[in-house]
Amino acid sequence: VQIARGSAIAGRALLMFGFTPVSWTLGVGALATAKILENMEI
């Protein structure tokens, strides 16, 4: 649960405050990881 929440926060922060394609890609990856963990393992 802690990992999923942290990953969601990191992903949304990278999407909201980043400007580069790299930060967008990392943000998508982190948010997708959070959603997968929340839906499947939790």
All heavy atoms as atom14 arrays in JSON, in Angstrom:
{
  "sequence": "VQIARGSAIAGRALLMFGFTPVSWTLGVGALATAKILENMEI",
  "atom14_mask": [
    [1, 1, 1, 1, 1, 1, 1, 0, 0, 0, 0, 0, 0, 0],
    [1, 1, 1, 1, 1, 1, 1, 1, 1, 0, 0, 0, 0, 0],
    [1, 1, 1, 1, 1, 1, 1, 1, 0, 0, 0, 0, 0, 0],
    [1, 1, 1, 1, 1, 0, 0, 0, 0, 0, 0, 0, 0, 0],
    [1, 1, 1, 1, 1, 1, 1, 1, 1, 1, 1, 0, 0, 0],
    [1, 1, 1, 1, 0, 0, 0, 0, 0, 0, 0, 0, 0, 0],
    [1, 1, 1, 1, 1, 1, 0, 0, 0, 0, 0, 0, 0, 0],
    [1, 1, 1, 1, 1, 0, 0, 0, 0, 0, 0, 0, 0, 0],
    [1, 1, 1, 1, 1, 1, 1, 1, 0, 0, 0, 0, 0, 0],
    [1, 1, 1, 1, 1, 0, 0, 0, 0, 0, 0, 0, 0, 0],
    [1, 1, 1, 1, 0, 0, 0, 0, 0, 0, 0, 0, 0, 0],
    [1, 1, 1, 1, 1, 1, 1, 1, 1, 1, 1, 0, 0, 0],
    [1, 1, 1, 1, 1, 0, 0, 0, 0, 0, 0, 0, 0, 0],
    [1, 1, 1, 1, 1, 1, 1, 1, 0, 0, 0, 0, 0, 0],
    [1, 1, 1, 1, 1, 1, 1, 1, 0, 0, 0, 0, 0, 0],
    [1, 1, 1, 1, 1, 1, 1, 1, 0, 0, 0, 0, 0, 0],
    [1, 1, 1, 1, 1, 1, 1, 1, 1, 1, 1, 0, 0, 0],
    [1, 1, 1, 1, 0, 0, 0, 0, 0, 0, 0, 0, 0, 0],
    [1, 1, 1, 1, 1, 1, 1, 1, 1, 1, 1, 0, 0, 0],
    [1, 1, 1, 1, 1, 1, 1, 0, 0, 0, 0, 0, 0, 0],
    [1, 1, 1, 1, 1, 1, 1, 0, 0, 0, 0, 0, 0, 0],
    [1, 1, 1, 1, 1, 1, 1, 0, 0, 0, 0, 0, 0, 0],
    [1, 1, 1, 1, 1, 1, 0, 0, 0, 0, 0, 0, 0, 0],
    [1, 1, 1, 1, 1, 1, 1, 1, 1, 1, 1, 1, 1, 1],
    [1, 1, 1, 1, 1, 1, 1, 0, 0, 0, 0, 0, 0, 0],
    [1, 1, 1, 1, 1, 1, 1, 1, 0, 0, 0, 0, 0, 0],
    [1, 1, 1, 1, 0, 0, 0, 0, 0, 0, 0, 0, 0, 0],
    [1, 1, 1, 1, 1, 1, 1, 0, 0, 0, 0, 0, 0, 0],
    [1, 1, 1, 1, 0, 0, 0, 0, 0, 0, 0, 0, 0, 0],
    [1, 1, 1, 1, 1, 0, 0, 0, 0, 0, 0, 0, 0, 0],
    [1, 1, 1, 1, 1, 1, 1, 1, 0, 0, 0, 0, 0, 0],
    [1, 1, 1, 1, 1, 0, 0, 0, 0, 0, 0, 0, 0, 0],
    [1, 1, 1, 1, 1, 1, 1, 0, 0, 0, 0, 0, 0, 0],
    [1, 1, 1, 1, 1, 0, 0, 0, 0, 0, 0, 0, 0, 0],
    [1, 1, 1, 1, 1, 1, 1, 1, 1, 0, 0, 0, 0, 0],
    [1, 1, 1, 1, 1, 1, 1, 1, 0, 0, 0, 0, 0, 0],
    [1, 1, 1, 1, 1, 1, 1, 1, 0, 0, 0, 0, 0, 0],
    [1, 1, 1, 1, 1, 1, 1, 1, 1, 0, 0, 0, 0, 0],
    [1, 1, 1, 1, 1, 1, 1, 1, 0, 0, 0, 0, 0, 0],
    [1, 1, 1, 1, 1, 1, 1, 1, 0, 0, 0, 0, 0, 0],
    [1, 1, 1, 1, 1, 1, 1, 1, 1, 0, 0, 0, 0, 0],
    [1, 1, 1, 1, 1, 1, 1, 1, 0, 0, 0, 0, 0, 0]
  ],
  "atom14_positions": [
    [[0.84, -1.2, 0.0], [0.0, 0.0, 0.0], [0.87, 1.25, 0.0], [0.63, 2.21, -0.75], [-0.96, 0.0, 1.21], [-1.62, 1.36, 1.37], [-2.01, -1.09, 1.06], [0.0, 0.0, 0.0], [0.0, 0.0, 0.0], [0.0, 0.0, 0.0], [0.0, 0.0, 0.0], [0.0, 0.0, 0.0], [0.0, 0.0, 0.0], [0.0, 0.0, 0.0]],
    [[1.9, 1.26, 0.84], [2.82, 2.41, 0.89], [3.54, 2.61, -0.44], [3.68, 3.75, -0.91], [3.82, 2.21, 2.02], [3.23, 2.3, 3.41], [4.25, 1.97, 4.5], [5.34, 1.47, 4.22], [3.9, 2.26, 5.74], [0.0, 0.0, 0.0], [0.0, 0.0, 0.0], [0.0, 0.0, 0.0], [0.0, 0.0, 0.0], [0.0, 0.0, 0.0]],
    [[4.0, 1.52, -1.04], [4.7, 1.62, -2.32], [3.76, 2.16, -3.41], [4.14, 3.02, -4.21], [5.27, 0.26, -2.73], [6.4, -0.15, -1.78], [5.78, 0.29, -4.17], [6.88, -1.57, -1.97], [0.0, 0.0, 0.0], [0.0, 0.0, 0.0], [0.0, 0.0, 0.0], [0.0, 0.0, 0.0], [0.0, 0.0, 0.0], [0.0, 0.0, 0.0]],
    [[2.53, 1.66, -3.43], [1.57, 2.11, -4.44], [1.26, 3.6, -4.27], [1.19, 4.35, -5.25], [0.29, 1.29, -4.34], [0.0, 0.0, 0.0], [0.0, 0.0, 0.0], [0.0, 0.0, 0.0], [0.0, 0.0, 0.0], [0.0, 0.0, 0.0], [0.0, 0.0, 0.0], [0.0, 0.0, 0.0], [0.0, 0.0, 0.0], [0.0, 0.0, 0.0]],
    [[1.07, 4.03, -3.04], [0.79, 5.45, -2.8], [1.97, 6.32, -3.18], [1.82, 7.36, -3.81], [0.43, 5.65, -1.32], [-0.93, 5.11, -0.94], [-1.18, 5.22, 0.55], [-2.5, 4.73, 0.91], [-2.92, 4.56, 2.16], [-2.1, 4.84, 3.18], [-4.14, 4.12, 2.4], [0.0, 0.0, 0.0], [0.0, 0.0, 0.0], [0.0, 0.0, 0.0]],
    [[3.17, 5.89, -2.8], [4.36, 6.65, -3.15], [4.56, 6.73, -4.65], [4.93, 7.78, -5.2], [0.0, 0.0, 0.0], [0.0, 0.0, 0.0], [0.0, 0.0, 0.0], [0.0, 0.0, 0.0], [0.0, 0.0, 0.0], [0.0, 0.0, 0.0], [0.0, 0.0, 0.0], [0.0, 0.0, 0.0], [0.0, 0.0, 0.0], [0.0, 0.0, 0.0]],
    [[4.3, 5.63, -5.34], [4.44, 5.6, -6.79], [3.41, 6.51, -7.45], [3.72, 7.2, -8.44], [4.28, 4.17, -7.3], [4.54, 4.07, -8.68], [0.0, 0.0, 0.0], [0.0, 0.0, 0.0], [0.0, 0.0, 0.0], [0.0, 0.0, 0.0], [0.0, 0.0, 0.0], [0.0, 0.0, 0.0], [0.0, 0.0, 0.0], [0.0, 0.0, 0.0]],
    [[2.2, 6.55, -6.91], [1.16, 7.42, -7.46], [1.54, 8.89, -7.27], [1.37, 9.72, -8.19], [-0.17, 7.12, -6.79], [0.0, 0.0, 0.0], [0.0, 0.0, 0.0], [0.0, 0.0, 0.0], [0.0, 0.0, 0.0], [0.0, 0.0, 0.0], [0.0, 0.0, 0.0], [0.0, 0.0, 0.0], [0.0, 0.0, 0.0], [0.0, 0.0, 0.0]],
    [[2.03, 9.23, -6.08], [2.43, 10.61, -5.82], [3.58, 11.03, -6.74], [3.56, 12.12, -7.34], [2.84, 10.78, -4.34], [1.61, 10.62, -3.44], [3.51, 12.13, -4.11], [1.94, 10.52, -1.96], [0.0, 0.0, 0.0], [0.0, 0.0, 0.0], [0.0, 0.0, 0.0], [0.0, 0.0, 0.0], [0.0, 0.0, 0.0], [0.0, 0.0, 0.0]],
    [[4.57, 10.15, -6.88], [5.7, 10.45, -7.75], [5.25, 10.61, -9.2], [5.68, 11.54, -9.91], [6.75, 9.36, -7.64], [0.0, 0.0, 0.0], [0.0, 0.0, 0.0], [0.0, 0.0, 0.0], [0.0, 0.0, 0.0], [0.0, 0.0, 0.0], [0.0, 0.0, 0.0], [0.0, 0.0, 0.0], [0.0, 0.0, 0.0], [0.0, 0.0, 0.0]],
    [[4.39, 9.7, -9.65], [3.92, 9.76, -11.02], [3.13, 11.02, -11.32], [3.36, 11.69, -12.34], [0.0, 0.0, 0.0], [0.0, 0.0, 0.0], [0.0, 0.0, 0.0], [0.0, 0.0, 0.0], [0.0, 0.0, 0.0], [0.0, 0.0, 0.0], [0.0, 0.0, 0.0], [0.0, 0.0, 0.0], [0.0, 0.0, 0.0], [0.0, 0.0, 0.0]],
    [[2.23, 11.38, -10.43], [1.41, 12.58, -10.66], [2.26, 13.84, -10.57], [2.03, 14.82, -11.31], [0.25, 12.61, -9.68], [-0.76, 11.48, -9.91], [-2.08, 11.72, -9.23], [-3.0, 10.61, -9.41], [-3.73, 10.37, -10.5], [-3.61, 11.18, -11.55], [-4.55, 9.34, -10.56], [0.0, 0.0, 0.0], [0.0, 0.0, 0.0], [0.0, 0.0, 0.0]],
    [[3.25, 13.85, -9.67], [4.13, 15.01, -9.56], [4.96, 15.2, -10.84], [5.12, 16.32, -11.34], [5.05, 14.86, -8.35], [0.0, 0.0, 0.0], [0.0, 0.0, 0.0], [0.0, 0.0, 0.0], [0.0, 0.0, 0.0], [0.0, 0.0, 0.0], [0.0, 0.0, 0.0], [0.0, 0.0, 0.0], [0.0, 0.0, 0.0], [0.0, 0.0, 0.0]],
    [[5.5, 14.1, -11.37], [6.29, 14.18, -12.59], [5.44, 14.67, -13.77], [5.92, 15.42, -14.63], [6.89, 12.82, -12.92], [8.09, 12.4, -12.06], [8.36, 10.9, -12.23], [9.33, 13.21, -12.45], [0.0, 0.0, 0.0], [0.0, 0.0, 0.0], [0.0, 0.0, 0.0], [0.0, 0.0, 0.0], [0.0, 0.0, 0.0], [0.0, 0.0, 0.0]],
    [[4.18, 14.26, -13.8], [3.3, 14.69, -14.88], [2.9, 16.15, -14.72], [2.85, 16.91, -15.71], [2.05, 13.81, -14.93], [2.25, 12.35, -15.36], [0.96, 11.56, -15.22], [2.77, 12.27, -16.79], [0.0, 0.0, 0.0], [0.0, 0.0, 0.0], [0.0, 0.0, 0.0], [0.0, 0.0, 0.0], [0.0, 0.0, 0.0], [0.0, 0.0, 0.0]],
    [[2.64, 16.57, -13.5], [2.14, 17.93, -13.26], [3.24, 18.98, -13.34], [3.01, 20.09, -13.84], [1.45, 18.0, -11.9], [0.14, 17.23, -11.82], [-0.65, 17.33, -10.2], [-1.13, 19.06, -10.18], [0.0, 0.0, 0.0], [0.0, 0.0, 0.0], [0.0, 0.0, 0.0], [0.0, 0.0, 0.0], [0.0, 0.0, 0.0], [0.0, 0.0, 0.0]],
    [[4.42, 18.66, -12.84], [5.46, 19.68, -12.72], [6.64, 19.49, -13.67], [7.53, 20.33, -13.73], [5.99, 19.71, -11.27], [4.9, 19.93, -10.26], [4.58, 18.95, -9.33], [4.15, 21.11, -10.26], [3.57, 19.15, -8.4], [3.14, 21.32, -9.34], [2.84, 20.33, -8.41], [0.0, 0.0, 0.0], [0.0, 0.0, 0.0], [0.0, 0.0, 0.0]],
    [[6.65, 18.39, -14.42], [7.73, 18.17, -15.37], [7.43, 18.84, -16.7], [6.3, 19.27, -16.97], [0.0, 0.0, 0.0], [0.0, 0.0, 0.0], [0.0, 0.0, 0.0], [0.0, 0.0, 0.0], [0.0, 0.0, 0.0], [0.0, 0.0, 0.0], [0.0, 0.0, 0.0], [0.0, 0.0, 0.0], [0.0, 0.0, 0.0], [0.0, 0.0, 0.0]],
    [[8.46, 18.91, -17.55], [8.28, 19.54, -18.86], [8.91, 18.73, -19.99], [8.62, 18.99, -21.15], [8.89, 20.96, -18.84], [8.19, 21.91, -17.92], [8.65, 22.12, -16.64], [7.04, 22.57, -18.34], [7.99, 22.99, -15.79], [6.38, 23.44, -17.49], [6.85, 23.65, -16.2], [0.0, 0.0, 0.0], [0.0, 0.0, 0.0], [0.0, 0.0, 0.0]],
    [[9.73, 17.77, -19.66], [10.46, 17.04, -20.7], [9.77, 15.71, -21.02], [9.01, 15.18, -20.19], [11.9, 16.74, -20.24], [11.86, 15.82, -19.15], [12.6, 18.03, -19.8], [0.0, 0.0, 0.0], [0.0, 0.0, 0.0], [0.0, 0.0, 0.0], [0.0, 0.0, 0.0], [0.0, 0.0, 0.0], [0.0, 0.0, 0.0], [0.0, 0.0, 0.0]],
    [[10.04, 15.18, -22.19], [9.5, 13.85, -22.52], [9.96, 12.77, -21.54], [9.22, 11.82, -21.27], [10.06, 13.59, -23.92], [10.3, 14.94, -24.5], [10.75, 15.79, -23.34], [0.0, 0.0, 0.0], [0.0, 0.0, 0.0], [0.0, 0.0, 0.0], [0.0, 0.0, 0.0], [0.0, 0.0, 0.0], [0.0, 0.0, 0.0], [0.0, 0.0, 0.0]],
    [[11.18, 12.9, -21.02], [11.69, 11.89, -20.08], [10.86, 11.9, -18.8], [10.47, 10.84, -18.29], [13.18, 12.16, -19.76], [13.65, 11.23, -18.64], [14.03, 11.96, -21.0], [0.0, 0.0, 0.0], [0.0, 0.0, 0.0], [0.0, 0.0, 0.0], [0.0, 0.0, 0.0], [0.0, 0.0, 0.0], [0.0, 0.0, 0.0], [0.0, 0.0, 0.0]],
    [[10.59, 13.09, -18.26], [9.8, 13.16, -17.02], [8.37, 12.68, -17.27], [7.75, 12.08, -16.38], [9.8, 14.58, -16.46], [9.19, 15.49, -17.37], [0.0, 0.0, 0.0], [0.0, 0.0, 0.0], [0.0, 0.0, 0.0], [0.0, 0.0, 0.0], [0.0, 0.0, 0.0], [0.0, 0.0, 0.0], [0.0, 0.0, 0.0], [0.0, 0.0, 0.0]],
    [[7.84, 12.93, -18.47], [6.49, 12.45, -18.79], [6.49, 10.91, -18.82], [5.6, 10.28, -18.26], [6.03, 12.99, -20.14], [4.6, 12.63, -20.48], [3.47, 13.29, -20.09], [4.17, 11.5, -21.27], [2.34, 12.65, -20.59], [2.75, 11.55, -21.32], [4.82, 10.48, -21.92], [1.98, 10.61, -22.0], [4.08, 9.53, -22.61], [2.68, 9.6, -22.65]],
    [[7.49, 10.33, -19.45], [7.58, 8.88, -19.55], [7.73, 8.26, -18.16], [7.07, 7.26, -17.83], [8.76, 8.47, -20.43], [8.59, 9.04, -21.74], [8.85, 6.95, -20.55], [0.0, 0.0, 0.0], [0.0, 0.0, 0.0], [0.0, 0.0, 0.0], [0.0, 0.0, 0.0], [0.0, 0.0, 0.0], [0.0, 0.0, 0.0], [0.0, 0.0, 0.0]],
    [[8.59, 8.85, -17.33], [8.77, 8.35, -15.97], [7.49, 8.51, -15.16], [7.13, 7.64, -14.36], [9.92, 9.08, -15.29], [11.32, 8.81, -15.83], [12.35, 9.71, -15.15], [11.7, 7.34, -15.65], [0.0, 0.0, 0.0], [0.0, 0.0, 0.0], [0.0, 0.0, 0.0], [0.0, 0.0, 0.0], [0.0, 0.0, 0.0], [0.0, 0.0, 0.0]],
    [[6.8, 9.63, -15.37], [5.54, 9.86, -14.66], [4.48, 8.84, -15.03], [3.77, 8.32, -14.17], [0.0, 0.0, 0.0], [0.0, 0.0, 0.0], [0.0, 0.0, 0.0], [0.0, 0.0, 0.0], [0.0, 0.0, 0.0], [0.0, 0.0, 0.0], [0.0, 0.0, 0.0], [0.0, 0.0, 0.0], [0.0, 0.0, 0.0], [0.0, 0.0, 0.0]],
    [[4.37, 8.55, -16.32], [3.41, 7.54, -16.78], [3.75, 6.19, -16.19], [2.88, 5.45, -15.71], [3.38, 7.48, -18.32], [2.6, 6.26, -18.79], [2.77, 8.74, -18.9], [0.0, 0.0, 0.0], [0.0, 0.0, 0.0], [0.0, 0.0, 0.0], [0.0, 0.0, 0.0], [0.0, 0.0, 0.0], [0.0, 0.0, 0.0], [0.0, 0.0, 0.0]],
    [[5.04, 5.84, -16.21], [5.46, 4.54, -15.67], [5.15, 4.41, -14.19], [4.66, 3.37, -13.74], [0.0, 0.0, 0.0], [0.0, 0.0, 0.0], [0.0, 0.0, 0.0], [0.0, 0.0, 0.0], [0.0, 0.0, 0.0], [0.0, 0.0, 0.0], [0.0, 0.0, 0.0], [0.0, 0.0, 0.0], [0.0, 0.0, 0.0], [0.0, 0.0, 0.0]],
    [[5.44, 5.47, -13.44], [5.18, 5.42, -12.0], [3.68, 5.35, -11.7], [3.24, 4.6, -10.82], [5.79, 6.65, -11.32], [0.0, 0.0, 0.0], [0.0, 0.0, 0.0], [0.0, 0.0, 0.0], [0.0, 0.0, 0.0], [0.0, 0.0, 0.0], [0.0, 0.0, 0.0], [0.0, 0.0, 0.0], [0.0, 0.0, 0.0], [0.0, 0.0, 0.0]],
    [[2.89, 6.13, -12.43], [1.44, 6.12, -12.19], [0.82, 4.79, -12.62], [-0.05, 4.26, -11.93], [0.78, 7.28, -12.94], [-0.72, 7.47, -12.7], [-1.03, 7.64, -11.21], [-1.24, 8.67, -13.5], [0.0, 0.0, 0.0], [0.0, 0.0, 0.0], [0.0, 0.0, 0.0], [0.0, 0.0, 0.0], [0.0, 0.0, 0.0], [0.0, 0.0, 0.0]],
    [[1.28, 4.24, -13.74], [0.78, 2.94, -14.18], [1.13, 1.85, -13.17], [0.31, 0.98, -12.86], [1.37, 2.58, -15.56], [0.0, 0.0, 0.0], [0.0, 0.0, 0.0], [0.0, 0.0, 0.0], [0.0, 0.0, 0.0], [0.0, 0.0, 0.0], [0.0, 0.0, 0.0], [0.0, 0.0, 0.0], [0.0, 0.0, 0.0], [0.0, 0.0, 0.0]],
    [[2.34, 1.91, -12.63], [2.75, 0.95, -11.6], [1.84, 1.04, -10.38], [1.41, 0.02, -9.83], [4.21, 1.2, -11.19], [5.07, 0.99, -12.32], [4.63, 0.27, -10.05], [0.0, 0.0, 0.0], [0.0, 0.0, 0.0], [0.0, 0.0, 0.0], [0.0, 0.0, 0.0], [0.0, 0.0, 0.0], [0.0, 0.0, 0.0], [0.0, 0.0, 0.0]],
    [[1.55, 2.27, -9.96], [0.67, 2.47, -8.81], [-0.72, 1.9, -9.07], [-1.31, 1.24, -8.21], [0.56, 3.97, -8.5], [0.0, 0.0, 0.0], [0.0, 0.0, 0.0], [0.0, 0.0, 0.0], [0.0, 0.0, 0.0], [0.0, 0.0, 0.0], [0.0, 0.0, 0.0], [0.0, 0.0, 0.0], [0.0, 0.0, 0.0], [0.0, 0.0, 0.0]],
    [[-1.25, 2.12, -10.27], [-2.59, 1.63, -10.59], [-2.61, 0.1, -10.68], [-3.57, -0.53, -10.24], [-3.06, 2.24, -11.92], [-3.47, 3.72, -11.81], [-3.87, 4.28, -13.16], [-4.39, 5.7, -13.03], [-5.74, 5.77, -12.42], [0.0, 0.0, 0.0], [0.0, 0.0, 0.0], [0.0, 0.0, 0.0], [0.0, 0.0, 0.0], [0.0, 0.0, 0.0]],
    [[-1.55, -0.48, -11.22], [-1.48, -1.94, -11.3], [-1.41, -2.55, -9.9], [-2.14, -3.49, -9.58], [-0.25, -2.36, -12.14], [-0.5, -2.06, -13.62], [0.04, -3.86, -11.94], [0.74, -2.2, -14.49], [0.0, 0.0, 0.0], [0.0, 0.0, 0.0], [0.0, 0.0, 0.0], [0.0, 0.0, 0.0], [0.0, 0.0, 0.0], [0.0, 0.0, 0.0]],
    [[-0.55, -2.01, -9.05], [-0.44, -2.52, -7.68], [-1.76, -2.35, -6.93], [-2.2, -3.26, -6.22], [0.68, -1.78, -6.94], [2.12, -2.14, -7.31], [3.09, -1.23, -6.59], [2.42, -3.6, -6.98], [0.0, 0.0, 0.0], [0.0, 0.0, 0.0], [0.0, 0.0, 0.0], [0.0, 0.0, 0.0], [0.0, 0.0, 0.0], [0.0, 0.0, 0.0]],
    [[-2.37, -1.19, -7.09], [-3.63, -0.93, -6.36], [-4.73, -1.87, -6.82], [-5.49, -2.39, -5.99], [-4.05, 0.53, -6.55], [-5.1, 1.01, -5.56], [-6.49, 0.46, -5.83], [-6.85, 0.27, -7.03], [-7.24, 0.23, -4.86], [0.0, 0.0, 0.0], [0.0, 0.0, 0.0], [0.0, 0.0, 0.0], [0.0, 0.0, 0.0], [0.0, 0.0, 0.0]],
    [[-4.83, -2.09, -8.1], [-5.9, -2.95, -8.61], [-5.66, -4.43, -8.34], [-6.59, -5.16, -7.99], [-6.07, -2.75, -10.12], [-6.91, -1.55, -10.49], [-7.27, -1.38, -11.64], [-7.19, -0.69, -9.54], [0.0, 0.0, 0.0], [0.0, 0.0, 0.0], [0.0, 0.0, 0.0], [0.0, 0.0, 0.0], [0.0, 0.0, 0.0], [0.0, 0.0, 0.0]],
    [[-4.41, -4.89, -8.48], [-4.15, -6.32, -8.49], [-3.66, -6.87, -7.15], [-4.26, -7.77, -6.59], [-3.17, -6.66, -9.62], [-3.67, -6.21, -10.99], [-2.68, -6.77, -12.39], [-3.2, -8.47, -12.53], [0.0, 0.0, 0.0], [0.0, 0.0, 0.0], [0.0, 0.0, 0.0], [0.0, 0.0, 0.0], [0.0, 0.0, 0.0], [0.0, 0.0, 0.0]],
    [[-2.57, -6.31, -6.63], [-2.04, -6.85, -5.37], [-2.84, -6.35, -4.16], [-2.92, -7.03, -3.14], [-0.57, -6.48, -5.22], [0.1, -7.02, -3.97], [0.24, -8.54, -3.96], [-0.1, -9.2, -4.97], [0.69, -9.08, -2.94], [0.0, 0.0, 0.0], [0.0, 0.0, 0.0], [0.0, 0.0, 0.0], [0.0, 0.0, 0.0], [0.0, 0.0, 0.0]],
    [[-3.45, -5.16, -4.29], [-4.21, -4.61, -3.16], [-5.7, -4.84, -3.36], [-6.32, -5.66, -2.68], [-3.9, -3.11, -2.97], [-2.4, -2.88, -2.79], [-4.66, -2.57, -1.75], [-1.97, -1.43, -2.84], [0.0, 0.0, 0.0], [0.0, 0.0, 0.0], [0.0, 0.0, 0.0], [0.0, 0.0, 0.0], [0.0, 0.0, 0.0], [0.0, 0.0, 0.0]]
  ]
}
